[in-house]
Amino acid sequence: MIEAELKARVHAPEAVMRRLDQLAAARVEICQDSYYDRPDGSLEKADQELRVRTVHSGDGLRTVLTFKNAAVGEVSGSKPEHETRVEDSQAAHAILQGLGYVPVIAFEKRCRNYDFEARGRHMLATLVRVPEIDGTFLEVETLVDEEEPAAALDDIRSVLKALGTGPEDLTRETYTHAVVAQRH
């Protein structure tokens, strides 16, 4: 499966949040993201990501191990994604380090997640704040088969437009790169 996703900078977060609140109930979560790479940086060079995410929410605590392969398109950065829940976050970190992966960066994301149907697809819209970087972001994503990311991205653009963001607001900058730049 491919995570077809677009991310936009939000200039009026409260207005976007009101629109999203009309579509679905919000799930508020705080994510502790830890990214890993090989010592030679070859995952980043190959545009791949290996992440352990611990999510704090009203439902408790959960940890997810994620591998994202290289982007399938230049426009959005949509990537094939493989993800699984992990019972013990400390064990996941120890396993990755035991296999030779090194922690590269860790940071916090504050998210308001909204699950809804639009244009015949299950969509996840997330308003994101990363305390270390300026601004609020809106991510809209849907999972699709490898053959249909272009059509899914068109549907996501329609959702973004309905939420008040336009093509000029889209960004491919990753949170990891933005946090690294802020820390240096």
Protein backbone atom coordinates (compact mmCIF):
# COMPACT_ATOMS: atom_id res chain seq x y z
CA MET A 1 0.00 0.00 0.00
CA ILE A 2 1.03 3.58 -0.63
CA GLU A 3 0.31 6.40 1.75
CA ALA A 4 -0.88 9.11 -0.66
CA GLU A 5 -0.38 12.29 1.31
CA LEU A 6 -0.12 16.02 0.88
CA LYS A 7 0.99 18.48 3.54
CA ALA A 8 0.19 22.18 3.65
CA ARG A 9 1.09 25.11 5.84
CA VAL A 10 -2.03 26.43 7.57
CA HIS A 11 -2.49 30.18 7.88
CA ALA A 12 -5.80 30.06 9.81
CA PRO A 13 -5.58 26.97 12.06
CA GLU A 14 -8.74 27.75 14.05
CA ALA A 15 -10.84 28.05 10.87
CA VAL A 16 -9.47 24.76 9.53
CA MET A 17 -10.09 23.10 12.89
CA ARG A 18 -13.73 24.30 12.87
CA ARG A 19 -14.23 22.84 9.38
CA LEU A 20 -12.66 19.53 10.43
CA ASP A 21 -14.74 19.42 13.62
CA GLN A 22 -17.82 19.49 11.37
CA LEU A 23 -16.55 16.41 9.50
CA ALA A 24 -15.51 14.18 12.40
CA ALA A 25 -14.62 14.00 16.06
CA ALA A 26 -11.01 14.93 16.78
CA ARG A 27 -8.53 12.51 18.33
CA VAL A 28 -5.90 14.53 20.16
CA GLU A 29 -2.52 12.81 20.37
CA ILE A 30 1.06 13.60 21.25
CA CYS A 31 3.57 11.59 19.24
CA GLN A 32 7.13 10.95 20.34
CA ASP A 33 8.93 10.15 17.09
CA SER A 34 12.39 8.55 16.99
CA TYR A 35 14.03 8.08 13.59
CA TYR A 36 16.79 5.57 12.91
CA ASP A 37 19.32 5.11 10.12
CA ARG A 38 22.33 2.98 9.36
CA PRO A 39 25.63 4.49 10.55
CA ASP A 40 26.45 5.47 6.94
CA GLY A 41 23.15 7.35 6.52
CA SER A 42 22.08 5.06 3.69
CA LEU A 43 18.38 5.05 4.60
CA GLU A 44 18.16 8.83 4.29
CA LYS A 45 20.23 8.76 1.09
CA ALA A 46 17.73 6.24 -0.34
CA ASP A 47 14.78 8.44 0.79
CA GLN A 48 13.69 5.75 3.26
CA GLU A 49 12.52 6.19 6.84
CA LEU A 50 12.61 3.91 9.88
CA ARG A 51 10.66 5.24 12.84
CA VAL A 52 9.47 4.24 16.29
CA ARG A 53 6.45 6.35 17.28
CA THR A 54 4.98 6.31 20.76
CA VAL A 55 1.52 7.88 20.82
CA HIS A 56 -0.02 9.36 23.96
CA SER A 57 -3.81 9.77 23.66
CA GLY A 58 -7.00 9.64 25.66
CA ASP A 59 -7.07 5.91 24.87
CA GLY A 60 -3.70 5.36 26.52
CA LEU A 61 -0.30 4.63 25.08
CA ARG A 62 0.63 2.75 21.90
CA THR A 63 3.84 2.29 19.94
CA VAL A 64 4.16 1.78 16.21
CA LEU A 65 7.18 0.71 14.16
CA THR A 66 7.14 2.17 10.63
CA PHE A 67 9.25 1.72 7.53
CA LYS A 68 8.64 4.07 4.60
CA ASN A 69 10.22 3.28 1.26
CA ALA A 70 11.35 5.88 -1.27
CA ALA A 71 8.77 8.34 -2.59
CA VAL A 72 6.85 7.21 -5.65
CA GLY A 73 6.33 10.72 -7.01
CA GLU A 74 8.07 14.06 -6.94
CA VAL A 75 4.90 16.11 -6.48
CA SER A 76 3.76 14.81 -3.12
CA GLY A 77 6.44 12.59 -1.67
CA SER A 78 3.89 9.78 -1.21
CA LYS A 79 5.65 6.63 -0.02
CA PRO A 80 4.94 2.92 0.29
CA GLU A 81 4.52 2.38 4.02
CA HIS A 82 4.73 -0.69 6.27
CA GLU A 83 3.62 -0.30 9.86
CA THR A 84 2.96 -2.52 12.85
CA ARG A 85 2.10 -2.04 16.50
CA VAL A 86 4.80 -2.86 19.00
CA GLU A 87 4.02 -4.15 22.47
CA ASP A 88 7.14 -2.77 24.18
CA SER A 89 8.64 0.51 22.92
CA GLN A 90 11.91 0.08 24.82
CA ALA A 91 12.38 -3.36 23.28
CA ALA A 92 11.76 -1.91 19.80
CA HIS A 93 14.48 0.70 20.35
CA ALA A 94 16.85 -1.97 21.71
CA ILE A 95 16.18 -4.29 18.76
CA LEU A 96 16.87 -1.58 16.18
CA GLN A 97 20.08 -0.55 17.93
CA GLY A 98 21.08 -4.19 18.34
CA LEU A 99 20.68 -4.60 14.57
CA GLY A 100 23.09 -1.72 14.04
CA TYR A 101 20.67 1.14 13.43
CA VAL A 102 21.49 4.41 15.15
CA PRO A 103 19.07 7.01 16.48
CA VAL A 104 19.26 10.08 14.25
CA ILE A 105 16.62 12.43 15.61
CA ALA A 106 13.74 12.43 18.06
CA PHE A 107 11.06 15.06 18.49
CA GLU A 108 7.45 15.63 19.53
CA LYS A 109 4.41 16.19 17.31
CA ARG A 110 1.11 17.49 18.68
CA CYS A 111 -1.74 16.22 16.51
CA ARG A 112 -5.49 16.56 16.07
CA ASN A 113 -6.57 13.62 13.89
CA TYR A 114 -9.82 13.39 11.97
CA ASP A 115 -11.02 10.22 10.19
CA PHE A 116 -13.74 10.73 7.57
CA GLU A 117 -14.95 9.66 4.14
CA ALA A 118 -14.48 11.99 1.17
CA ARG A 119 -14.69 11.34 -2.56
CA GLY A 120 -15.26 7.63 -1.87
CA ARG A 121 -12.10 7.23 0.20
CA HIS A 122 -11.23 6.92 3.86
CA MET A 123 -9.24 10.07 4.66
CA LEU A 124 -7.15 11.01 7.65
CA ALA A 125 -6.62 14.72 8.17
CA THR A 126 -4.17 15.78 10.85
CA LEU A 127 -3.47 19.26 12.17
CA VAL A 128 0.14 19.17 13.34
CA ARG A 129 2.25 21.39 15.56
CA VAL A 130 5.87 20.56 16.22
CA PRO A 131 6.94 22.71 19.18
CA GLU A 132 10.44 23.21 17.76
CA ILE A 133 9.30 24.70 14.44
CA ASP A 134 7.03 27.60 13.54
CA GLY A 135 3.59 27.11 12.13
CA THR A 136 0.74 24.67 11.94
CA PHE A 137 0.52 22.05 9.22
CA LEU A 138 -2.33 20.07 7.74
CA GLU A 139 -1.66 16.57 6.45
CA VAL A 140 -4.33 14.74 4.48
CA GLU A 141 -3.69 11.13 3.54
CA THR A 142 -5.33 7.96 2.31
CA LEU A 143 -3.97 4.48 1.68
CA VAL A 144 -4.12 3.31 -1.94
CA ASP A 145 -2.88 0.54 -4.18
CA GLU A 146 0.32 1.27 -6.07
CA GLU A 147 -1.58 1.93 -9.30
CA GLU A 148 -3.72 4.82 -8.07
CA PRO A 149 -1.73 7.48 -6.18
CA ALA A 150 -2.38 10.19 -8.82
CA ALA A 151 -6.18 9.87 -8.53
CA ALA A 152 -5.94 9.77 -4.73
CA LEU A 153 -3.81 12.92 -4.73
CA ASP A 154 -6.45 14.69 -6.82
CA ASP A 155 -9.03 13.71 -4.21
CA ILE A 156 -6.77 14.94 -1.42
CA ARG A 157 -6.31 18.28 -3.21
CA SER A 158 -10.10 18.64 -3.28
CA VAL A 159 -10.28 18.00 0.46
CA LEU A 160 -7.49 20.50 1.12
CA LYS A 161 -9.28 23.12 -0.98
CA ALA A 162 -12.53 22.53 0.93
CA LEU A 163 -10.57 23.04 4.16
CA GLY A 164 -9.23 26.39 2.96
CA THR A 165 -5.74 25.55 1.73
CA GLY A 166 -4.52 25.99 -1.82
CA PRO A 167 -1.66 24.76 -3.98
CA GLU A 168 0.52 27.64 -2.80
CA ASP A 169 0.33 26.28 0.76
CA LEU A 170 1.65 22.80 -0.11
CA THR A 171 5.06 21.83 1.23
CA ARG A 172 7.32 18.80 0.92
CA GLU A 173 9.56 19.90 3.78
CA THR A 174 9.76 17.10 6.33
CA TYR A 175 9.46 17.65 10.06
CA THR A 176 12.78 15.87 10.53
CA HIS A 177 14.61 18.32 8.24
CA ALA A 178 12.85 21.31 9.78
CA VAL A 179 13.77 20.21 13.31
CA VAL A 180 17.39 19.55 12.31
CA ALA A 181 17.59 23.03 10.75
CA GLN A 182 16.08 24.61 13.87
CA ARG A 183 18.52 22.79 16.18
CA HIS A 184 21.51 23.96 14.16
